[in-house]
Amino acid sequence: KNTMYLQMNSLKPDDTARYFCAGDGRNF
């Protein structure tokens, strides 16, 4: 599905932020 996920449980106020997805095309 060309999709990545982040399941976030037990969230805390310190988790407040803007969350960014990142990817890379280099084959290591």
PDB file of all heavy atoms in Angstrom:
ATOM      1  N   LYS A   1       0.826  -1.213   0.000  1.00  0.00           N
ATOM      2  CA  LYS A   1       0.000   0.000   0.000  1.00  0.00           C
ATOM      3  C   LYS A   1       0.859   1.262   0.000  1.00  0.00           C
ATOM      4  O   LYS A   1       0.322   2.371   0.072  1.00  0.00           O
ATOM      5  CB  LYS A   1      -0.909   0.018   1.231  1.00  0.00           C
ATOM      6  CG  LYS A   1      -1.940  -1.104   1.243  1.00  0.00           C
ATOM      7  CD  LYS A   1      -2.843  -1.002   2.467  1.00  0.00           C
ATOM      8  CE  LYS A   1      -3.892  -2.095   2.445  1.00  0.00           C
ATOM      9  NZ  LYS A   1      -4.777  -2.025   3.647  1.00  0.00           N
ATOM     10  N   ASN A   2       2.179   1.096  -0.047  1.00  0.00           N
ATOM     11  CA  ASN A   2       3.098   2.234  -0.019  1.00  0.00           C
ATOM     12  C   ASN A   2       2.808   3.156   1.168  1.00  0.00           C
ATOM     13  O   ASN A   2       2.814   4.387   1.043  1.00  0.00           O
ATOM     14  CB  ASN A   2       3.000   3.038  -1.321  1.00  0.00           C
ATOM     15  CG  ASN A   2       3.408   2.225  -2.522  1.00  0.00           C
ATOM     16  OD1 ASN A   2       4.408   1.507  -2.477  1.00  0.00           O
ATOM     17  ND2 ASN A   2       2.640   2.312  -3.592  1.00  0.00           N
ATOM     18  N   THR A   3       2.570   2.558   2.310  1.00  0.00           N
ATOM     19  CA  THR A   3       2.179   3.330   3.488  1.00  0.00           C
ATOM     20  C   THR A   3       2.952   2.872   4.719  1.00  0.00           C
ATOM     21  O   THR A   3       3.190   1.677   4.910  1.00  0.00           O
ATOM     22  CB  THR A   3       0.672   3.187   3.743  1.00  0.00           C
ATOM     23  OG1 THR A   3      -0.050   3.613   2.582  1.00  0.00           O
ATOM     24  CG2 THR A   3       0.236   4.045   4.925  1.00  0.00           C
ATOM     25  N   MET A   4       3.330   3.852   5.517  1.00  0.00           N
ATOM     26  CA  MET A   4       3.986   3.587   6.796  1.00  0.00           C
ATOM     27  C   MET A   4       3.071   4.089   7.905  1.00  0.00           C
ATOM     28  O   MET A   4       2.311   5.046   7.687  1.00  0.00           O
ATOM     29  CB  MET A   4       5.336   4.313   6.850  1.00  0.00           C
ATOM     30  CG  MET A   4       6.086   4.164   8.158  1.00  0.00           C
ATOM     31  SD  MET A   4       7.689   5.003   8.163  1.00  0.00           S
ATOM     32  CE  MET A   4       7.209   6.713   8.020  1.00  0.00           C
ATOM     33  N   TYR A   5       3.162   3.462   9.067  1.00  0.00           N
ATOM     34  CA  TYR A   5       2.283   3.830  10.178  1.00  0.00           C
ATOM     35  C   TYR A   5       3.089   4.081  11.445  1.00  0.00           C
ATOM     36  O   TYR A   5       4.204   3.574  11.606  1.00  0.00           O
ATOM     37  CB  TYR A   5       1.279   2.702  10.450  1.00  0.00           C
ATOM     38  CG  TYR A   5       0.478   2.289   9.249  1.00  0.00           C
ATOM     39  CD1 TYR A   5       0.867   1.205   8.473  1.00  0.00           C
ATOM     40  CD2 TYR A   5      -0.661   2.991   8.875  1.00  0.00           C
ATOM     41  CE1 TYR A   5       0.142   0.822   7.361  1.00  0.00           C
ATOM     42  CE2 TYR A   5      -1.398   2.613   7.758  1.00  0.00           C
ATOM     43  CZ  TYR A   5      -0.990   1.533   7.011  1.00  0.00           C
ATOM     44  OH  TYR A   5      -1.708   1.157   5.901  1.00  0.00           O
ATOM     45  N   LEU A   6       2.493   4.834  12.352  1.00  0.00           N
ATOM     46  CA  LEU A   6       3.042   5.000  13.690  1.00  0.00           C
ATOM     47  C   LEU A   6       1.879   4.901  14.669  1.00  0.00           C
ATOM     48  O   LEU A   6       1.044   5.814  14.753  1.00  0.00           O
ATOM     49  CB  LEU A   6       3.765   6.333  13.853  1.00  0.00           C
ATOM     50  CG  LEU A   6       4.468   6.511  15.201  1.00  0.00           C
ATOM     51  CD1 LEU A   6       5.664   5.540  15.307  1.00  0.00           C
ATOM     52  CD2 LEU A   6       4.950   7.953  15.375  1.00  0.00           C
ATOM     53  N   GLN A   7       1.798   3.776  15.364  1.00  0.00           N
ATOM     54  CA  GLN A   7       0.782   3.601  16.387  1.00  0.00           C
ATOM     55  C   GLN A   7       1.324   4.175  17.682  1.00  0.00           C
ATOM     56  O   GLN A   7       2.369   3.724  18.166  1.00  0.00           O
ATOM     57  CB  GLN A   7       0.444   2.120  16.566  1.00  0.00           C
ATOM     58  CG  GLN A   7      -0.576   1.841  17.658  1.00  0.00           C
ATOM     59  CD  GLN A   7      -1.951   2.409  17.335  1.00  0.00           C
ATOM     60  OE1 GLN A   7      -2.426   2.300  16.212  1.00  0.00           O
ATOM     61  NE2 GLN A   7      -2.587   3.010  18.326  1.00  0.00           N
ATOM     62  N   MET A   8       0.614   5.149  18.232  1.00  0.00           N
ATOM     63  CA  MET A   8       1.072   5.841  19.436  1.00  0.00           C
ATOM     64  C   MET A   8       0.088   5.583  20.563  1.00  0.00           C
ATOM     65  O   MET A   8      -1.086   5.972  20.473  1.00  0.00           O
ATOM     66  CB  MET A   8       1.196   7.345  19.164  1.00  0.00           C
ATOM     67  CG  MET A   8       2.076   7.676  17.978  1.00  0.00           C
ATOM     68  SD  MET A   8       2.352   9.441  17.772  1.00  0.00           S
ATOM     69  CE  MET A   8       0.695   9.996  17.403  1.00  0.00           C
ATOM     70  N   ASN A   9       0.544   4.898  21.586  1.00  0.00           N
ATOM     71  CA  ASN A   9      -0.284   4.586  22.754  1.00  0.00           C
ATOM     72  C   ASN A   9       0.272   5.286  23.987  1.00  0.00           C
ATOM     73  O   ASN A   9       1.424   5.727  23.998  1.00  0.00           O
ATOM     74  CB  ASN A   9      -0.309   3.083  22.986  1.00  0.00           C
ATOM     75  CG  ASN A   9      -0.920   2.317  21.831  1.00  0.00           C
ATOM     76  OD1 ASN A   9      -1.799   2.816  21.126  1.00  0.00           O
ATOM     77  ND2 ASN A   9      -0.460   1.094  21.617  1.00  0.00           N
ATOM     78  N   SER A  10      -0.544   5.355  25.027  1.00  0.00           N
ATOM     79  CA  SER A  10      -0.130   5.975  26.293  1.00  0.00           C
ATOM     80  C   SER A  10       0.496   7.338  26.057  1.00  0.00           C
ATOM     81  O   SER A  10       1.571   7.643  26.587  1.00  0.00           O
ATOM     82  CB  SER A  10       0.858   5.054  27.018  1.00  0.00           C
ATOM     83  OG  SER A  10       0.275   3.790  27.259  1.00  0.00           O
ATOM     84  N   LEU A  11      -0.167   8.144  25.277  1.00  0.00           N
ATOM     85  CA  LEU A  11       0.393   9.442  24.911  1.00  0.00           C
ATOM     86  C   LEU A  11       0.515  10.366  26.123  1.00  0.00           C
ATOM     87  O   LEU A  11      -0.304  10.324  27.050  1.00  0.00           O
ATOM     88  CB  LEU A  11      -0.471  10.100  23.846  1.00  0.00           C
ATOM     89  CG  LEU A  11      -0.252   9.536  22.436  1.00  0.00           C
ATOM     90  CD1 LEU A  11      -1.412   9.866  21.518  1.00  0.00           C
ATOM     91  CD2 LEU A  11       1.059  10.046  21.852  1.00  0.00           C
ATOM     92  N   LYS A  12       1.565  11.178  26.089  1.00  0.00           N
ATOM     93  CA  LYS A  12       1.861  12.118  27.163  1.00  0.00           C
ATOM     94  C   LYS A  12       1.880  13.539  26.592  1.00  0.00           C
ATOM     95  O   LYS A  12       2.132  13.729  25.396  1.00  0.00           O
ATOM     96  CB  LYS A  12       3.236  11.810  27.754  1.00  0.00           C
ATOM     97  CG  LYS A  12       3.423  10.388  28.233  1.00  0.00           C
ATOM     98  CD  LYS A  12       4.864  10.158  28.671  1.00  0.00           C
ATOM     99  CE  LYS A  12       5.092   8.743  29.131  1.00  0.00           C
ATOM    100  NZ  LYS A  12       6.508   8.516  29.530  1.00  0.00           N
ATOM    101  N   PRO A  13       1.671  14.534  27.424  1.00  0.00           N
ATOM    102  CA  PRO A  13       1.756  15.921  26.932  1.00  0.00           C
ATOM    103  C   PRO A  13       3.099  16.217  26.256  1.00  0.00           C
ATOM    104  O   PRO A  13       3.145  17.000  25.304  1.00  0.00           O
ATOM    105  CB  PRO A  13       1.570  16.746  28.209  1.00  0.00           C
ATOM    106  CG  PRO A  13       0.695  15.892  29.067  1.00  0.00           C
ATOM    107  CD  PRO A  13       1.153  14.487  28.803  1.00  0.00           C
ATOM    108  N   ASP A  14       4.169  15.570  26.712  1.00  0.00           N
ATOM    109  CA  ASP A  14       5.492  15.772  26.101  1.00  0.00           C
ATOM    110  C   ASP A  14       5.564  15.240  24.679  1.00  0.00           C
ATOM    111  O   ASP A  14       6.522  15.535  23.960  1.00  0.00           O
ATOM    112  CB  ASP A  14       6.585  15.096  26.934  1.00  0.00           C
ATOM    113  CG  ASP A  14       6.921  15.888  28.189  1.00  0.00           C
ATOM    114  OD1 ASP A  14       6.460  17.051  28.294  1.00  0.00           O
ATOM    115  OD2 ASP A  14       7.626  15.353  29.063  1.00  0.00           O
ATOM    116  N   ASP A  15       4.594  14.454  24.264  1.00  0.00           N
ATOM    117  CA  ASP A  15       4.564  13.955  22.887  1.00  0.00           C
ATOM    118  C   ASP A  15       3.979  14.985  21.921  1.00  0.00           C
ATOM    119  O   ASP A  15       3.972  14.763  20.699  1.00  0.00           O
ATOM    120  CB  ASP A  15       3.738  12.671  22.795  1.00  0.00           C
ATOM    121  CG  ASP A  15       4.363  11.522  23.566  1.00  0.00           C
ATOM    122  OD1 ASP A  15       5.594  11.359  23.495  1.00  0.00           O
ATOM    123  OD2 ASP A  15       3.607  10.786  24.235  1.00  0.00           O
ATOM    124  N   THR A  16       3.478  16.080  22.445  1.00  0.00           N
ATOM    125  CA  THR A  16       2.914  17.129  21.601  1.00  0.00           C
ATOM    126  C   THR A  16       3.989  17.694  20.677  1.00  0.00           C
ATOM    127  O   THR A  16       5.041  18.135  21.121  1.00  0.00           O
ATOM    128  CB  THR A  16       2.333  18.261  22.467  1.00  0.00           C
ATOM    129  OG1 THR A  16       1.225  17.756  23.206  1.00  0.00           O
ATOM    130  CG2 THR A  16       1.876  19.425  21.604  1.00  0.00           C
ATOM    131  N   ALA A  17       3.718  17.616  19.375  1.00  0.00           N
ATOM    132  CA  ALA A  17       4.694  18.068  18.374  1.00  0.00           C
ATOM    133  C   ALA A  17       4.081  17.917  16.986  1.00  0.00           C
ATOM    134  O   ALA A  17       3.010  17.327  16.834  1.00  0.00           O
ATOM    135  CB  ALA A  17       5.968  17.233  18.461  1.00  0.00           C
ATOM    136  N   ARG A  18       4.796  18.427  16.024  1.00  0.00           N
ATOM    137  CA  ARG A  18       4.448  18.159  14.637  1.00  0.00           C
ATOM    138  C   ARG A  18       5.269  16.939  14.215  1.00  0.00           C
ATOM    139  O   ARG A  18       6.501  16.925  14.393  1.00  0.00           O
ATOM    140  CB  ARG A  18       4.759  19.352  13.746  1.00  0.00           C
ATOM    141  CG  ARG A  18       4.169  19.215  12.349  1.00  0.00           C
ATOM    142  CD  ARG A  18       4.087  20.548  11.637  1.00  0.00           C
ATOM    143  NE  ARG A  18       3.366  20.440  10.387  1.00  0.00           N
ATOM    144  CZ  ARG A  18       2.037  20.506  10.295  1.00  0.00           C
ATOM    145  NH1 ARG A  18       1.304  20.720  11.378  1.00  0.00           N
ATOM    146  NH2 ARG A  18       1.445  20.409   9.109  1.00  0.00           N
ATOM    147  N   TYR A  19       4.595  15.933  13.681  1.00  0.00           N
ATOM    148  CA  TYR A  19       5.236  14.684  13.322  1.00  0.00           C
ATOM    149  C   TYR A  19       5.455  14.630  11.815  1.00  0.00           C
ATOM    150  O   TYR A  19       4.531  14.850  11.035  1.00  0.00           O
ATOM    151  CB  TYR A  19       4.388  13.502  13.778  1.00  0.00           C
ATOM    152  CG  TYR A  19       4.488  13.267  15.272  1.00  0.00           C
ATOM    153  CD1 TYR A  19       3.919  14.153  16.177  1.00  0.00           C
ATOM    154  CD2 TYR A  19       5.161  12.161  15.773  1.00  0.00           C
ATOM    155  CE1 TYR A  19       4.035  13.959  17.546  1.00  0.00           C
ATOM    156  CE2 TYR A  19       5.273  11.947  17.145  1.00  0.00           C
ATOM    157  CZ  TYR A  19       4.707  12.855  18.015  1.00  0.00           C
ATOM    158  OH  TYR A  19       4.823  12.650  19.373  1.00  0.00           O
ATOM    159  N   PHE A  20       6.685  14.297  11.451  1.00  0.00           N
ATOM    160  CA  PHE A  20       7.076  14.262  10.048  1.00  0.00           C
ATOM    161  C   PHE A  20       7.437  12.848   9.616  1.00  0.00           C
ATOM    162  O   PHE A  20       8.150  12.131  10.333  1.00  0.00           O
ATOM    163  CB  PHE A  20       8.288  15.161   9.818  1.00  0.00           C
ATOM    164  CG  PHE A  20       8.028  16.615  10.081  1.00  0.00           C
ATOM    165  CD1 PHE A  20       8.185  17.140  11.347  1.00  0.00           C
ATOM    166  CD2 PHE A  20       7.625  17.456   9.054  1.00  0.00           C
ATOM    167  CE1 PHE A  20       7.940  18.487  11.594  1.00  0.00           C
ATOM    168  CE2 PHE A  20       7.383  18.800   9.281  1.00  0.00           C
ATOM    169  CZ  PHE A  20       7.535  19.317  10.559  1.00  0.00           C
ATOM    170  N   CYS A  21       7.000  12.514   8.428  1.00  0.00           N
ATOM    171  CA  CYS A  21       7.362  11.252   7.788  1.00  0.00           C
ATOM    172  C   CYS A  21       8.577  11.502   6.895  1.00  0.00           C
ATOM    173  O   CYS A  21       8.668  12.553   6.236  1.00  0.00           O
ATOM    174  CB  CYS A  21       6.177  10.775   6.952  1.00  0.00           C
ATOM    175  SG  CYS A  21       6.544   9.503   5.750  1.00  0.00           S
ATOM    176  N   ALA A  22       9.490  10.552   6.869  1.00  0.00           N
ATOM    177  CA  ALA A  22      10.677  10.687   6.027  1.00  0.00           C
ATOM    178  C   ALA A  22      10.984   9.367   5.348  1.00  0.00           C
ATOM    179  O   ALA A  22      10.738   8.295   5.907  1.00  0.00           O
ATOM    180  CB  ALA A  22      11.867  11.132   6.866  1.00  0.00           C
ATOM    181  N   GLY A  23      11.530   9.456   4.149  1.00  0.00           N
ATOM    182  CA  GLY A  23      11.929   8.259   3.411  1.00  0.00           C
ATOM    183  C   GLY A  23      13.189   8.531   2.621  1.00  0.00           C
ATOM    184  O   GLY A  23      13.591   9.684   2.440  1.00  0.00           O
ATOM    185  N   ASP A  24      13.810   7.490   2.152  1.00  0.00           N
ATOM    186  CA  ASP A  24      15.045   7.653   1.389  1.00  0.00           C
ATOM    187  C   ASP A  24      15.143   6.611   0.298  1.00  0.00           C
ATOM    188  O   ASP A  24      14.682   5.482   0.476  1.00  0.00           O
ATOM    189  CB  ASP A  24      16.252   7.562   2.316  1.00  0.00           C
ATOM    190  CG  ASP A  24      17.503   8.052   1.635  1.00  0.00           C
ATOM    191  OD1 ASP A  24      17.666   9.295   1.537  1.00  0.00           O
ATOM    192  OD2 ASP A  24      18.313   7.228   1.203  1.00  0.00           O
ATOM    193  N   GLY A  25      15.747   6.992  -0.817  1.00  0.00           N
ATOM    194  CA  GLY A  25      15.834   6.114  -1.969  1.00  0.00           C
ATOM    195  C   GLY A  25      17.153   5.388  -2.119  1.00  0.00           C
ATOM    196  O   GLY A  25      17.333   4.630  -3.068  1.00  0.00           O
ATOM    197  N   ARG A  26      18.077   5.577  -1.187  1.00  0.00           N
ATOM    198  CA  ARG A  26      19.373   4.916  -1.307  1.00  0.00           C
ATOM    199  C   ARG A  26      19.289   3.499  -0.750  1.00  0.00           C
ATOM    200  O   ARG A  26      18.793   3.283   0.351  1.00  0.00           O
ATOM    201  CB  ARG A  26      20.442   5.726  -0.575  1.00  0.00           C
ATOM    202  CG  ARG A  26      20.804   7.004  -1.308  1.00  0.00           C
ATOM    203  CD  ARG A  26      21.621   7.921  -0.459  1.00  0.00           C
ATOM    204  NE  ARG A  26      20.821   8.510   0.601  1.00  0.00           N
ATOM    205  CZ  ARG A  26      21.287   9.397   1.461  1.00  0.00           C
ATOM    206  NH1 ARG A  26      22.554   9.794   1.395  1.00  0.00           N
ATOM    207  NH2 ARG A  26      20.503   9.894   2.393  1.00  0.00           N
ATOM    208  N   ASN A  27      19.801   2.545  -1.502  1.00  0.00           N
ATOM    209  CA  ASN A  27      19.711   1.138  -1.148  1.00  0.00           C
ATOM    210  C   ASN A  27      20.928   0.710  -0.346  1.00  0.00           C
ATOM    211  O   ASN A  27      21.982   0.411  -0.900  1.00  0.00           O
ATOM    212  CB  ASN A  27      19.563   0.298  -2.418  1.00  0.00           C
ATOM    213  CG  ASN A  27      19.382  -1.173  -2.107  1.00  0.00           C
ATOM    214  OD1 ASN A  27      19.338  -1.573  -0.947  1.00  0.00           O
ATOM    215  ND2 ASN A  27      19.270  -1.974  -3.146  1.00  0.00           N
ATOM    216  N   PHE A  28      20.758   0.652   0.972  1.00  0.00           N
ATOM    217  CA  PHE A  28      21.800   0.118   1.852  1.00  0.00           C
ATOM    218  C   PHE A  28      21.423  -1.272   2.341  1.00  0.00           C
ATOM    219  O   PHE A  28      21.988  -1.785   3.295  1.00  0.00           O
ATOM    220  CB  PHE A  28      22.008   1.050   3.053  1.00  0.00           C
ATOM    221  CG  PHE A  28      22.502   2.418   2.678  1.00  0.00           C
ATOM    222  CD1 PHE A  28      21.795   3.555   3.021  1.00  0.00           C
ATOM    223  CD2 PHE A  28      23.681   2.574   1.960  1.00  0.00           C
ATOM    224  CE1 PHE A  28      22.238   4.811   2.668  1.00  0.00           C
ATOM    225  CE2 PHE A  28      24.141   3.825   1.598  1.00  0.00           C
ATOM    226  CZ  PHE A  28      23.414   4.950   1.965  1.00  0.00           C
TER     227      PHE A  28
END
